[in-house]
Protein backbone atom coordinates (compact mmCIF):
# COMPACT_ATOMS: atom_id res chain seq x y z
CA UNK A 1 44.65 -5.18 -12.17
CA UNK A 2 42.57 -2.77 -10.14
CA UNK A 3 40.04 -0.72 -12.12
CA UNK A 4 40.02 1.91 -9.36
CA UNK A 5 43.68 2.84 -10.05
CA UNK A 6 44.21 6.16 -11.83
CA UNK A 7 46.80 5.06 -14.41
CA UNK A 8 47.59 8.63 -15.42
CA UNK A 9 48.55 9.45 -11.82
CA UNK A 10 50.70 6.31 -11.62
CA UNK A 11 52.74 7.63 -14.55
CA UNK A 12 52.91 11.08 -12.97
CA UNK A 13 50.65 12.58 -15.66
CA UNK A 14 47.58 14.86 -15.29
CA UNK A 15 44.33 12.93 -15.08
CA UNK A 16 40.74 13.63 -16.07
CA UNK A 17 39.89 15.56 -19.22
CA UNK A 18 43.47 16.86 -19.48
CA UNK A 19 44.87 13.32 -19.38
CA UNK A 20 42.55 12.13 -22.12
CA UNK A 21 44.07 14.78 -24.44
CA UNK A 22 47.65 13.55 -23.99
CA UNK A 23 49.43 12.03 -27.01
CA UNK A 24 51.18 8.66 -27.08
CA UNK A 25 54.58 10.38 -27.08
CA UNK A 26 53.68 12.32 -23.91
CA UNK A 27 52.53 9.11 -22.24
CA UNK A 28 55.73 7.28 -23.24
CA UNK A 29 57.84 10.19 -22.01
CA UNK A 30 56.03 10.18 -18.68
CA UNK A 31 56.53 6.43 -18.34
CA UNK A 32 60.30 6.60 -19.00
CA UNK A 33 60.74 9.37 -16.48
CA UNK A 34 58.78 7.48 -13.84
CA UNK A 35 60.57 4.18 -14.65
CA UNK A 36 63.96 5.77 -13.97
CA UNK A 37 62.64 6.97 -10.63
CA UNK A 38 60.99 3.69 -9.53
CA UNK A 39 63.43 1.12 -10.97
CA UNK A 40 64.32 -1.47 -8.29
CA UNK A 41 68.06 -1.01 -8.94
CA UNK A 42 67.77 2.58 -7.78
CA UNK A 43 65.68 1.69 -4.71
CA UNK A 44 67.51 -1.26 -3.09
CA UNK A 45 66.22 -0.40 0.39
CA UNK A 46 62.53 -0.22 -0.65
CA UNK A 47 60.78 -3.62 -0.14
CA UNK A 48 57.89 -2.44 -2.36
CA UNK A 49 60.11 -1.25 -5.19
CA UNK A 50 59.48 -4.27 -7.40
CA UNK A 51 55.67 -4.15 -6.87
CA UNK A 52 55.56 -0.42 -7.60
CA UNK A 53 57.59 -0.90 -10.77
CA UNK A 54 55.23 -3.67 -11.96
CA UNK A 55 52.25 -1.40 -11.25
CA UNK A 56 53.91 1.31 -13.35
CA UNK A 57 54.39 -1.09 -16.24
CA UNK A 58 50.74 -2.28 -16.04
CA UNK A 59 49.45 1.30 -16.15
CA UNK A 60 51.65 2.07 -19.11
CA UNK A 61 50.40 -1.02 -20.98
CA UNK A 62 46.77 0.10 -20.47
CA UNK A 63 47.39 3.67 -21.62
CA UNK A 64 49.45 2.48 -24.58
CA UNK A 65 46.56 0.32 -25.83
CA UNK A 66 44.08 2.48 -27.74
CA UNK A 67 40.95 0.48 -26.86
CA UNK A 68 41.86 0.03 -23.19
CA UNK A 69 42.74 3.72 -22.84
CA UNK A 70 39.39 4.77 -24.34
CA UNK A 71 37.51 2.56 -21.88
CA UNK A 72 39.57 3.94 -19.01
CA UNK A 73 38.87 7.54 -20.12
CA UNK A 74 35.12 6.70 -20.24
CA UNK A 75 35.33 5.27 -16.74
CA UNK A 76 36.97 8.43 -15.42
CA UNK A 77 34.34 10.56 -17.17
CA UNK A 78 31.46 8.59 -15.59
CA UNK A 79 33.06 8.94 -12.15
CA UNK A 80 33.44 12.69 -12.60
CA UNK A 81 29.75 12.97 -13.59
CA UNK A 82 28.73 10.97 -10.52
CA UNK A 83 30.72 13.26 -8.26
CA UNK A 84 29.12 16.29 -9.91
CA UNK A 85 25.61 14.85 -9.47
CA UNK A 86 26.24 14.07 -5.82
CA UNK A 87 27.47 17.59 -5.28
CA UNK A 88 24.38 19.03 -6.93
CA UNK A 89 22.08 16.72 -4.96
CA UNK A 90 23.82 17.66 -1.72
CA UNK A 91 23.36 21.32 -2.60
CA UNK A 92 19.65 20.78 -3.31
CA UNK A 93 19.27 18.74 -0.16
CA UNK A 94 20.90 21.45 1.94
CA UNK A 95 18.59 24.03 0.39
CA UNK A 96 15.52 21.85 1.09
CA UNK A 97 16.61 21.37 4.70
CA UNK A 98 17.19 25.10 5.05
CA UNK A 99 13.75 25.89 3.58
CA UNK A 100 12.09 23.31 5.84
CA UNK A 101 13.76 24.72 8.93
CA UNK A 102 12.68 28.20 7.91
CA UNK A 103 9.06 27.07 7.49
CA UNK A 104 9.16 25.33 10.86
CA UNK A 105 10.48 28.48 12.53
CA UNK A 106 7.75 30.49 10.86
CA UNK A 107 5.10 27.94 11.89
CA UNK A 108 6.16 27.98 15.54
CA UNK A 109 6.54 31.73 15.67
CA UNK A 110 3.90 33.45 17.84
CA UNK A 111 1.02 34.49 15.59
CA UNK A 112 -2.45 35.48 16.76
CA UNK A 113 -4.22 34.11 13.67
CA UNK A 114 -2.36 30.78 13.92
CA UNK A 115 -3.17 30.56 17.61
CA UNK A 116 -6.86 31.19 16.92
CA UNK A 117 -6.88 28.54 14.20
CA UNK A 118 -5.29 26.00 16.55
CA UNK A 119 -7.87 26.83 19.20
CA UNK A 120 -10.67 26.34 16.66
CA UNK A 121 -9.23 22.97 15.60
CA UNK A 122 -8.96 21.90 19.25
CA UNK A 123 -12.61 22.78 19.92
CA UNK A 124 -13.76 20.99 16.76
CA UNK A 125 -11.78 17.90 17.76
CA UNK A 126 -13.31 17.92 21.26
CA UNK A 127 -16.80 18.35 19.81
CA UNK A 128 -16.32 15.40 17.48
CA UNK A 129 -15.17 13.29 20.41
CA UNK A 130 -18.31 14.20 22.33
CA UNK A 131 -20.52 13.39 19.34
CA UNK A 132 -18.82 10.00 18.97
CA UNK A 133 -19.37 9.42 22.68
CA UNK A 134 -23.09 10.13 22.30
CA UNK A 135 -23.33 7.77 19.34
CA UNK A 136 -21.53 5.05 21.24
CA UNK A 137 -23.74 5.62 24.29
CA UNK A 138 -26.94 5.23 22.28
CA UNK A 139 -25.55 2.26 20.37
CA UNK A 140 -24.80 0.52 23.67
CA UNK A 141 -28.39 1.08 24.83
CA UNK A 142 -29.56 -1.54 22.33
CA UNK A 143 -27.36 -4.24 23.92
CA UNK A 144 -28.96 -6.37 26.72
CA UNK A 145 -27.76 -5.35 30.19
CA UNK A 146 -25.46 -7.82 31.97
CA UNK A 147 -27.11 -7.38 35.36
CA UNK A 148 -29.03 -4.87 37.38
CA UNK A 149 -25.94 -4.11 39.47
CA UNK A 150 -23.82 -3.53 36.38
CA UNK A 151 -26.52 -1.32 34.92
CA UNK A 152 -26.68 0.72 38.09
CA UNK A 153 -22.90 1.07 38.14
CA UNK A 154 -22.83 2.20 34.50
CA UNK A 155 -25.59 4.71 35.18
CA UNK A 156 -23.59 6.03 38.09
CA UNK A 157 -20.57 6.41 35.84
CA UNK A 158 -22.69 8.22 33.24
CA UNK A 159 -23.96 10.59 35.90
CA UNK A 160 -20.40 11.27 37.03
CA UNK A 161 -19.14 11.86 33.54
CA UNK A 162 -22.07 14.10 32.65
CA UNK A 163 -21.17 16.30 35.58
CA UNK A 164 -17.92 17.20 33.80
CA UNK A 165 -17.45 18.77 30.42
CA UNK A 166 -19.94 16.48 28.60
CA UNK A 167 -22.47 17.41 25.97
CA UNK A 168 -25.39 19.51 27.20
CA UNK A 169 -28.40 17.16 27.06
CA UNK A 170 -30.80 20.11 27.08
CA UNK A 171 -29.71 20.78 23.48
CA UNK A 172 -30.46 17.22 22.33
CA UNK A 173 -33.89 16.36 20.88
CA UNK A 174 -35.41 12.92 20.53
CA UNK A 175 -37.31 12.66 17.24
CA UNK A 176 -39.55 9.77 16.15
CA UNK A 177 -42.09 9.03 13.39
CA UNK A 178 -44.47 6.24 12.34
CA UNK A 179 -43.33 3.10 10.58
CA UNK A 180 -45.93 3.27 7.78
CA UNK A 181 -45.12 6.76 6.47
CA UNK A 182 -42.16 8.05 4.48
CA UNK A 183 -38.74 7.77 6.11
CA UNK A 184 -36.59 10.75 7.12
CA UNK A 185 -32.92 10.91 6.18
CA UNK A 186 -30.17 12.73 8.06
CA UNK A 187 -30.09 15.47 5.43
CA UNK A 188 -33.87 15.91 5.60
CA UNK A 189 -33.82 16.17 9.40
CA UNK A 190 -31.00 18.74 9.29
CA UNK A 191 -33.00 20.76 6.77
CA UNK A 192 -36.15 20.70 8.93
CA UNK A 193 -34.47 21.62 12.22
CA UNK A 194 -32.13 24.23 10.77
CA UNK A 195 -35.18 26.52 10.67
CA UNK A 196 -34.98 26.79 14.47
CA UNK A 197 -31.19 27.29 14.64
CA UNK A 198 -27.87 25.68 13.85
CA UNK A 199 -27.86 21.87 13.88
CA UNK A 200 -24.60 20.38 15.15
CA UNK A 201 -25.33 16.72 14.39
CA UNK A 202 -28.05 14.18 13.61
CA UNK A 203 -27.81 10.55 14.72
CA UNK A 204 -30.41 8.21 13.22
CA UNK A 205 -31.57 5.10 15.07
CA UNK A 206 -33.05 1.79 13.96
CA UNK A 207 -36.75 2.16 14.91
CA UNK A 208 -37.70 5.26 12.94
CA UNK A 209 -36.15 7.66 15.43
CA UNK A 210 -33.17 9.98 15.68
CA UNK A 211 -31.27 12.31 17.99
CA UNK A 212 -30.84 15.91 16.85
CA UNK A 213 -28.12 18.00 18.54
CA UNK A 214 -28.91 21.71 18.37
CA UNK A 215 -26.29 24.42 18.81
CA UNK A 216 -28.22 26.23 21.56
CA UNK A 217 -30.87 25.53 24.17
CA UNK A 218 -33.15 28.21 22.71
CA UNK A 219 -33.14 26.44 19.35
CA UNK A 220 -33.97 23.13 21.07
CA UNK A 221 -36.88 24.72 22.97
CA UNK A 222 -38.20 26.37 19.79
CA UNK A 223 -38.15 23.06 17.93
CA UNK A 224 -40.28 21.33 20.58
CA UNK A 225 -43.07 23.94 20.36
CA UNK A 226 -44.03 23.33 16.72
CA UNK A 227 -45.10 20.51 14.44
CA UNK A 228 -42.25 19.40 12.20
CA UNK A 229 -42.02 17.22 9.12
CA UNK A 230 -44.46 16.18 6.42
CA UNK A 231 -48.16 16.26 7.27
CA UNK A 232 -48.53 12.68 6.02
CA UNK A 233 -46.01 11.53 8.62
CA UNK A 234 -45.27 14.28 11.16
CA UNK A 235 -42.40 14.15 13.63
CA UNK A 236 -42.77 13.73 17.37
CA UNK A 237 -40.13 15.96 18.98
CA UNK A 238 -39.33 15.79 22.70
CA UNK A 239 -36.19 17.02 24.52
CA UNK A 240 -33.76 14.43 25.79
CA UNK A 241 -33.62 16.50 28.97
CA UNK A 242 -36.08 19.39 29.50
CA UNK A 243 -34.62 22.86 29.92
CA UNK A 244 -34.55 23.91 33.59
CA UNK A 245 -36.15 27.31 34.09
CA UNK A 246 -34.17 29.93 35.98
CA UNK A 247 -37.07 31.18 38.19
CA UNK A 248 -38.16 29.14 41.23
CA UNK A 249 -41.78 28.25 42.02
CA UNK A 250 -43.54 30.15 44.77
CA UNK A 251 -44.31 28.57 48.11
CA UNK A 252 -48.07 28.40 47.59
CA UNK A 253 -47.97 27.26 43.95
CA UNK A 254 -47.20 23.54 43.63
CA UNK A 255 -44.38 22.59 41.32
CA UNK A 256 -45.78 21.22 38.08
CA UNK A 257 -44.35 17.86 37.23
CA UNK A 258 -43.00 17.41 33.71
CA UNK A 259 -45.12 14.62 32.31
CA UNK A 260 -42.43 13.67 29.86
CA UNK A 261 -40.20 12.55 32.71
CA UNK A 262 -42.78 9.85 33.57
CA UNK A 263 -43.13 8.70 29.96
CA UNK A 264 -40.87 5.71 30.07
CA UNK A 265 -41.38 2.23 28.73
CA UNK A 266 -44.94 1.49 27.64
CA UNK A 267 -46.17 4.86 28.94
CA UNK A 268 -43.84 6.73 26.62
CA UNK A 269 -44.99 4.61 23.68
CA UNK A 270 -48.67 5.34 24.48
CA UNK A 271 -47.90 9.04 24.57
CA UNK A 272 -46.18 8.85 21.19
CA UNK A 273 -49.09 6.89 19.70
CA UNK A 274 -51.66 9.37 20.93
CA UNK A 275 -49.72 12.35 19.59
CA UNK A 276 -49.24 10.63 16.26
CA UNK A 277 -52.96 9.91 15.93
CA UNK A 278 -53.86 13.54 16.68
CA UNK A 279 -51.36 14.79 14.11
CA UNK A 280 -52.66 12.35 11.47
CA UNK A 281 -56.25 13.46 12.07
CA UNK A 282 -55.16 17.09 11.67
CA UNK A 283 -53.37 16.18 8.43
CA UNK A 284 -56.47 14.35 7.12
CA UNK A 285 -58.67 17.37 7.88
CA UNK A 286 -56.30 19.65 5.99
CA UNK A 287 -56.34 17.35 2.91
CA UNK A 288 -60.17 17.20 2.89
């Protein structure tokens, strides 16, 4: 006995809420009328006549039983509610899809403010990539070189890449301070160098040193011409790459060599030590 069969329809009666209101006499009347129509004696040429008549009798037995009919009416009611919910959900889903498509059309519509915002996001993303590249470059400097040839090849690659759209090294400052004095945090360094201009990023290093990326070359130059930090432990500030002046030297005047370009290895450390000592002496005189 299939539960999916609509027994009211089998008897030729209205189904749903209208069927549940039918009386027993109306159900019996509908069964007798349908039985006369489907009786096998009246349908000798129909091979399914006997099966259809048995199906009619089964439906009538269910609707004639009070308990079975109530369960069947409940089943029909639940199915109607499910159909209604699906219809409502489909309507909501269609509305959501329509709203989403409308928002997408509005988002892709030409708008000057949206275009400017996208351009700003693209520039910020590129800048972050460059900052990450600088961090990775300085992190790799601490690793031992594989060979002199490999080092030369990597330097050649760096020179090639810097010729493109890389970060301007003239805006990067190398900052260091003594081991014995108070340490400088990223926030403290940003606060100190923001006096000279906008600070794009600060990358701290292991040996009491850091790289400060200024927003402009003028700000980087201004920061190298003053004493920064606490007097008890002042900062030594040198440019990662000195700013190249626009004017050219005359023929008679010899070109002055930037001493900082020769301060590599032990020579650079001696220069730092000497500057630190002078700054400490100046700080001691101010305290006394």
